[in-house]
Amino acid sequence: MQSRTTAGRRARTTVMVALLVATLWGGIALTKGAAQGGHNAPGGPVGHLSRAVEIIRG
């Protein structure tokens, strides 16, 4: 009976690690996609703010 308990615990641990890795991978992919922007977008950490000001000024 002990082996079944250990096997179940290992299975749950494996599933949790797989979910954690998938979540991190998806988050990194989304972050990279959002950070790239357009090809002519200004660079730097405040590049998106200058684009927002440009849109507001029209």
PDB file of N, CA and C in Angstrom:
ATOM      1  N   MET A   1       0.822  -1.195   0.000  1.00  0.00           N
ATOM      2  CA  MET A   1       0.000   0.000   0.000  1.00  0.00           C
ATOM      3  C   MET A   1       0.863   1.254   0.000  1.00  0.00           C
ATOM      4  N   GLN A   2       2.009   1.170   0.620  1.00  0.00           N
ATOM      5  CA  GLN A   2       2.906   2.318   0.658  1.00  0.00           C
ATOM      6  C   GLN A   2       3.371   2.703  -0.750  1.00  0.00           C
ATOM      7  N   SER A   3       3.612   1.721  -1.633  1.00  0.00           N
ATOM      8  CA  SER A   3       4.105   2.000  -2.977  1.00  0.00           C
ATOM      9  C   SER A   3       3.063   2.766  -3.790  1.00  0.00           C
ATOM     10  N   ARG A   4       1.780   2.476  -3.566  1.00  0.00           N
ATOM     11  CA  ARG A   4       0.732   3.205  -4.284  1.00  0.00           C
ATOM     12  C   ARG A   4       0.690   4.660  -3.842  1.00  0.00           C
ATOM     13  N   THR A   5       0.864   4.905  -2.585  1.00  0.00           N
ATOM     14  CA  THR A   5       0.861   6.264  -2.079  1.00  0.00           C
ATOM     15  C   THR A   5       2.038   7.051  -2.647  1.00  0.00           C
ATOM     16  N   THR A   6       3.207   6.427  -2.680  1.00  0.00           N
ATOM     17  CA  THR A   6       4.390   7.081  -3.223  1.00  0.00           C
ATOM     18  C   THR A   6       4.233   7.324  -4.718  1.00  0.00           C
ATOM     19  N   ALA A   7       3.657   6.381  -5.428  1.00  0.00           N
ATOM     20  CA  ALA A   7       3.448   6.531  -6.867  1.00  0.00           C
ATOM     21  C   ALA A   7       2.472   7.674  -7.149  1.00  0.00           C
ATOM     22  N   GLY A   8       1.430   7.763  -6.351  1.00  0.00           N
ATOM     23  CA  GLY A   8       0.473   8.857  -6.525  1.00  0.00           C
ATOM     24  C   GLY A   8       1.101  10.209  -6.242  1.00  0.00           C
ATOM     25  N   ARG A   9       1.922  10.262  -5.215  1.00  0.00           N
ATOM     26  CA  ARG A   9       2.597  11.510  -4.875  1.00  0.00           C
ATOM     27  C   ARG A   9       3.548  11.926  -5.986  1.00  0.00           C
ATOM     28  N   ARG A  10       4.260  10.960  -6.544  1.00  0.00           N
ATOM     29  CA  ARG A  10       5.178  11.256  -7.650  1.00  0.00           C
ATOM     30  C   ARG A  10       4.423  11.741  -8.875  1.00  0.00           C
ATOM     31  N   ALA A  11       3.286  11.118  -9.146  1.00  0.00           N
ATOM     32  CA  ALA A  11       2.484  11.524 -10.302  1.00  0.00           C
ATOM     33  C   ALA A  11       1.979  12.955 -10.126  1.00  0.00           C
ATOM     34  N   ARG A  12       1.500  13.280  -8.935  1.00  0.00           N
ATOM     35  CA  ARG A  12       1.017  14.641  -8.683  1.00  0.00           C
ATOM     36  C   ARG A  12       2.151  15.654  -8.790  1.00  0.00           C
ATOM     37  N   THR A  13       3.316  15.298  -8.271  1.00  0.00           N
ATOM     38  CA  THR A  13       4.467  16.194  -8.344  1.00  0.00           C
ATOM     39  C   THR A  13       4.875  16.423  -9.794  1.00  0.00           C
ATOM     40  N   THR A  14       4.859  15.359 -10.589  1.00  0.00           N
ATOM     41  CA  THR A  14       5.216  15.481 -12.003  1.00  0.00           C
ATOM     42  C   THR A  14       4.235  16.391 -12.735  1.00  0.00           C
ATOM     43  N   VAL A  15       2.968  16.229 -12.465  1.00  0.00           N
ATOM     44  CA  VAL A  15       1.957  17.067 -13.107  1.00  0.00           C
ATOM     45  C   VAL A  15       2.114  18.525 -12.690  1.00  0.00           C
ATOM     46  N   MET A  16       2.379  18.769 -11.427  1.00  0.00           N
ATOM     47  CA  MET A  16       2.545  20.149 -10.955  1.00  0.00           C
ATOM     48  C   MET A  16       3.775  20.810 -11.578  1.00  0.00           C
ATOM     49  N   VAL A  17       4.862  20.056 -11.688  1.00  0.00           N
ATOM     50  CA  VAL A  17       6.066  20.607 -12.316  1.00  0.00           C
ATOM     51  C   VAL A  17       5.803  20.902 -13.792  1.00  0.00           C
ATOM     52  N   ALA A  18       5.092  20.015 -14.469  1.00  0.00           N
ATOM     53  CA  ALA A  18       4.771  20.233 -15.881  1.00  0.00           C
ATOM     54  C   ALA A  18       3.891  21.470 -16.055  1.00  0.00           C
ATOM     55  N   LEU A  19       2.914  21.645 -15.190  1.00  0.00           N
ATOM     56  CA  LEU A  19       2.058  22.831 -15.267  1.00  0.00           C
ATOM     57  C   LEU A  19       2.838  24.112 -14.986  1.00  0.00           C
ATOM     58  N   LEU A  20       3.741  24.054 -14.029  1.00  0.00           N
ATOM     59  CA  LEU A  20       4.561  25.220 -13.712  1.00  0.00           C
ATOM     60  C   LEU A  20       5.449  25.604 -14.890  1.00  0.00           C
ATOM     61  N   VAL A  21       6.069  24.616 -15.512  1.00  0.00           N
ATOM     62  CA  VAL A  21       6.926  24.883 -16.667  1.00  0.00           C
ATOM     63  C   VAL A  21       6.104  25.450 -17.822  1.00  0.00           C
ATOM     64  N   ALA A  22       4.928  24.897 -18.070  1.00  0.00           N
ATOM     65  CA  ALA A  22       4.070  25.386 -19.148  1.00  0.00           C
ATOM     66  C   ALA A  22       3.624  26.823 -18.882  1.00  0.00           C
ATOM     67  N   THR A  23       3.305  27.135 -17.633  1.00  0.00           N
ATOM     68  CA  THR A  23       2.887  28.492 -17.277  1.00  0.00           C
ATOM     69  C   THR A  23       4.028  29.486 -17.476  1.00  0.00           C
ATOM     70  N   LEU A  24       5.210  29.113 -17.024  1.00  0.00           N
ATOM     71  CA  LEU A  24       6.362  29.995 -17.209  1.00  0.00           C
ATOM     72  C   LEU A  24       6.677  30.187 -18.679  1.00  0.00           C
ATOM     73  N   TRP A  25       6.612  29.129 -19.456  1.00  0.00           N
ATOM     74  CA  TRP A  25       6.900  29.205 -20.884  1.00  0.00           C
ATOM     75  C   TRP A  25       5.888  30.117 -21.577  1.00  0.00           C
ATOM     76  N   GLY A  26       4.619  29.970 -21.257  1.00  0.00           N
ATOM     77  CA  GLY A  26       3.592  30.830 -21.846  1.00  0.00           C
ATOM     78  C   GLY A  26       3.758  32.279 -21.443  1.00  0.00           C
ATOM     79  N   GLY A  27       4.074  32.520 -20.184  1.00  0.00           N
ATOM     80  CA  GLY A  27       4.280  33.894 -19.730  1.00  0.00           C
ATOM     81  C   GLY A  27       5.457  34.556 -20.397  1.00  0.00           C
ATOM     82  N   ILE A  28       6.538  33.816 -20.568  1.00  0.00           N
ATOM     83  CA  ILE A  28       7.712  34.372 -21.248  1.00  0.00           C
ATOM     84  C   ILE A  28       7.396  34.661 -22.713  1.00  0.00           C
ATOM     85  N   ALA A  29       6.664  33.771 -23.356  1.00  0.00           N
ATOM     86  CA  ALA A  29       6.301  33.980 -24.759  1.00  0.00           C
ATOM     87  C   ALA A  29       5.414  35.214 -24.917  1.00  0.00           C
ATOM     88  N   LEU A  30       4.451  35.393 -24.022  1.00  0.00           N
ATOM     89  CA  LEU A  30       3.589  36.571 -24.087  1.00  0.00           C
ATOM     90  C   LEU A  30       4.373  37.850 -23.838  1.00  0.00           C
ATOM     91  N   THR A  31       5.290  37.812 -22.888  1.00  0.00           N
ATOM     92  CA  THR A  31       6.086  38.986 -22.571  1.00  0.00           C
ATOM     93  C   THR A  31       6.979  39.370 -23.746  1.00  0.00           C
ATOM     94  N   LYS A  32       7.601  38.386 -24.382  1.00  0.00           N
ATOM     95  CA  LYS A  32       8.447  38.671 -25.537  1.00  0.00           C
ATOM     96  C   LYS A  32       7.618  39.238 -26.680  1.00  0.00           C
ATOM     97  N   GLY A  33       6.449  38.693 -26.907  1.00  0.00           N
ATOM     98  CA  GLY A  33       5.586  39.175 -27.982  1.00  0.00           C
ATOM     99  C   GLY A  33       5.118  40.599 -27.740  1.00  0.00           C
ATOM    100  N   ALA A  34       4.811  40.928 -26.504  1.00  0.00           N
ATOM    101  CA  ALA A  34       4.347  42.277 -26.189  1.00  0.00           C
ATOM    102  C   ALA A  34       5.495  43.272 -26.227  1.00  0.00           C
ATOM    103  N   ALA A  35       6.689  42.836 -25.892  1.00  0.00           N
ATOM    104  CA  ALA A  35       7.837  43.741 -25.851  1.00  0.00           C
ATOM    105  C   ALA A  35       8.360  44.080 -27.237  1.00  0.00           C
ATOM    106  N   GLN A  36       8.134  43.219 -28.213  1.00  0.00           N
ATOM    107  CA  GLN A  36       8.690  43.468 -29.539  1.00  0.00           C
ATOM    108  C   GLN A  36       8.002  44.630 -30.234  1.00  0.00           C
ATOM    109  N   GLY A  37       6.692  44.687 -30.212  1.00  0.00           N
ATOM    110  CA  GLY A  37       5.962  45.769 -30.849  1.00  0.00           C
ATOM    111  C   GLY A  37       6.181  45.799 -32.345  1.00  0.00           C
ATOM    112  N   GLY A  38       6.013  46.988 -32.930  1.00  0.00           N
ATOM    113  CA  GLY A  38       6.216  47.152 -34.363  1.00  0.00           C
ATOM    114  C   GLY A  38       7.684  47.373 -34.682  1.00  0.00           C
ATOM    115  N   HIS A  39       8.001  47.287 -35.973  1.00  0.00           N
ATOM    116  CA  HIS A  39       9.391  47.456 -36.385  1.00  0.00           C
ATOM    117  C   HIS A  39       9.843  48.910 -36.277  1.00  0.00           C
ATOM    118  N   ASN A  40       8.930  49.844 -36.456  1.00  0.00           N
ATOM    119  CA  ASN A  40       9.305  51.256 -36.405  1.00  0.00           C
ATOM    120  C   ASN A  40       8.989  51.887 -35.044  1.00  0.00           C
ATOM    121  N   ALA A  41       8.703  51.078 -34.060  1.00  0.00           N
ATOM    122  CA  ALA A  41       8.398  51.592 -32.727  1.00  0.00           C
ATOM    123  C   ALA A  41       9.686  52.080 -32.057  1.00  0.00           C
ATOM    124  N   PRO A  42       9.615  53.171 -31.293  1.00  0.00           N
ATOM    125  CA  PRO A  42      10.811  53.646 -30.603  1.00  0.00           C
ATOM    126  C   PRO A  42      11.280  52.652 -29.550  1.00  0.00           C
ATOM    127  N   GLY A  43      12.573  52.596 -29.331  1.00  0.00           N
ATOM    128  CA  GLY A  43      13.119  51.638 -28.393  1.00  0.00           C
ATOM    129  C   GLY A  43      13.155  52.191 -26.986  1.00  0.00           C
ATOM    130  N   GLY A  44      13.692  51.411 -26.078  1.00  0.00           N
ATOM    131  CA  GLY A  44      13.837  51.856 -24.700  1.00  0.00           C
ATOM    132  C   GLY A  44      12.646  51.504 -23.848  1.00  0.00           C
ATOM    133  N   PRO A  45      12.792  51.705 -22.544  1.00  0.00           N
ATOM    134  CA  PRO A  45      11.725  51.314 -21.625  1.00  0.00           C
ATOM    135  C   PRO A  45      10.495  52.211 -21.686  1.00  0.00           C
ATOM    136  N   VAL A  46      10.601  53.406 -22.265  1.00  0.00           N
ATOM    137  CA  VAL A  46       9.443  54.304 -22.334  1.00  0.00           C
ATOM    138  C   VAL A  46       8.963  54.480 -23.768  1.00  0.00           C
ATOM    139  N   GLY A  47       9.348  53.575 -24.644  1.00  0.00           N
ATOM    140  CA  GLY A  47       8.934  53.660 -26.040  1.00  0.00           C
ATOM    141  C   GLY A  47       7.424  53.593 -26.205  1.00  0.00           C
ATOM    142  N   HIS A  48       6.761  52.761 -25.422  1.00  0.00           N
ATOM    143  CA  HIS A  48       5.311  52.655 -25.518  1.00  0.00           C
ATOM    144  C   HIS A  48       4.624  53.927 -25.039  1.00  0.00           C
ATOM    145  N   LEU A  49       5.232  54.654 -24.125  1.00  0.00           N
ATOM    146  CA  LEU A  49       4.634  55.905 -23.652  1.00  0.00           C
ATOM    147  C   LEU A  49       4.686  56.977 -24.729  1.00  0.00           C
ATOM    148  N   SER A  50       5.779  57.045 -25.484  1.00  0.00           N
ATOM    149  CA  SER A  50       5.849  58.036 -26.554  1.00  0.00           C
ATOM    150  C   SER A  50       4.836  57.713 -27.642  1.00  0.00           C
ATOM    151  N   ARG A  51       4.597  56.434 -27.881  1.00  0.00           N
ATOM    152  CA  ARG A  51       3.564  56.039 -28.857  1.00  0.00           C
ATOM    153  C   ARG A  51       2.179  56.439 -28.365  1.00  0.00           C
ATOM    154  N   ALA A  52       1.922  56.304 -27.072  1.00  0.00           N
ATOM    155  CA  ALA A  52       0.632  56.705 -26.526  1.00  0.00           C
ATOM    156  C   ALA A  52       0.438  58.216 -26.653  1.00  0.00           C
ATOM    157  N   VAL A  53       1.488  58.991 -26.389  1.00  0.00           N
ATOM    158  CA  VAL A  53       1.396  60.451 -26.521  1.00  0.00           C
ATOM    159  C   VAL A  53       1.151  60.828 -27.964  1.00  0.00           C
ATOM    160  N   GLU A  54       1.788  60.124 -28.895  1.00  0.00           N
ATOM    161  CA  GLU A  54       1.595  60.384 -30.317  1.00  0.00           C
ATOM    162  C   GLU A  54       0.145  60.127 -30.723  1.00  0.00           C
ATOM    163  N   ILE A  55      -0.447  59.069 -30.198  1.00  0.00           N
ATOM    164  CA  ILE A  55      -1.847  58.745 -30.512  1.00  0.00           C
ATOM    165  C   ILE A  55      -2.777  59.812 -29.932  1.00  0.00           C
ATOM    166  N   ILE A  56      -2.511  60.262 -28.714  1.00  0.00           N
ATOM    167  CA  ILE A  56      -3.381  61.260 -28.081  1.00  0.00           C
ATOM    168  C   ILE A  56      -3.323  62.590 -28.840  1.00  0.00           C
ATOM    169  N   ARG A  57      -2.122  62.974 -29.238  1.00  0.00           N
ATOM    170  CA  ARG A  57      -1.979  64.239 -29.972  1.00  0.00           C
ATOM    171  C   ARG A  57      -2.627  64.168 -31.340  1.00  0.00           C
ATOM    172  N   GLY A  58      -2.763  63.005 -31.871  1.00  0.00           N
ATOM    173  CA  GLY A  58      -3.489  62.784 -33.111  1.00  0.00           C
ATOM    174  C   GLY A  58      -2.726  63.222 -34.299  1.00  0.00           C
TER     175      GLY A  58
END
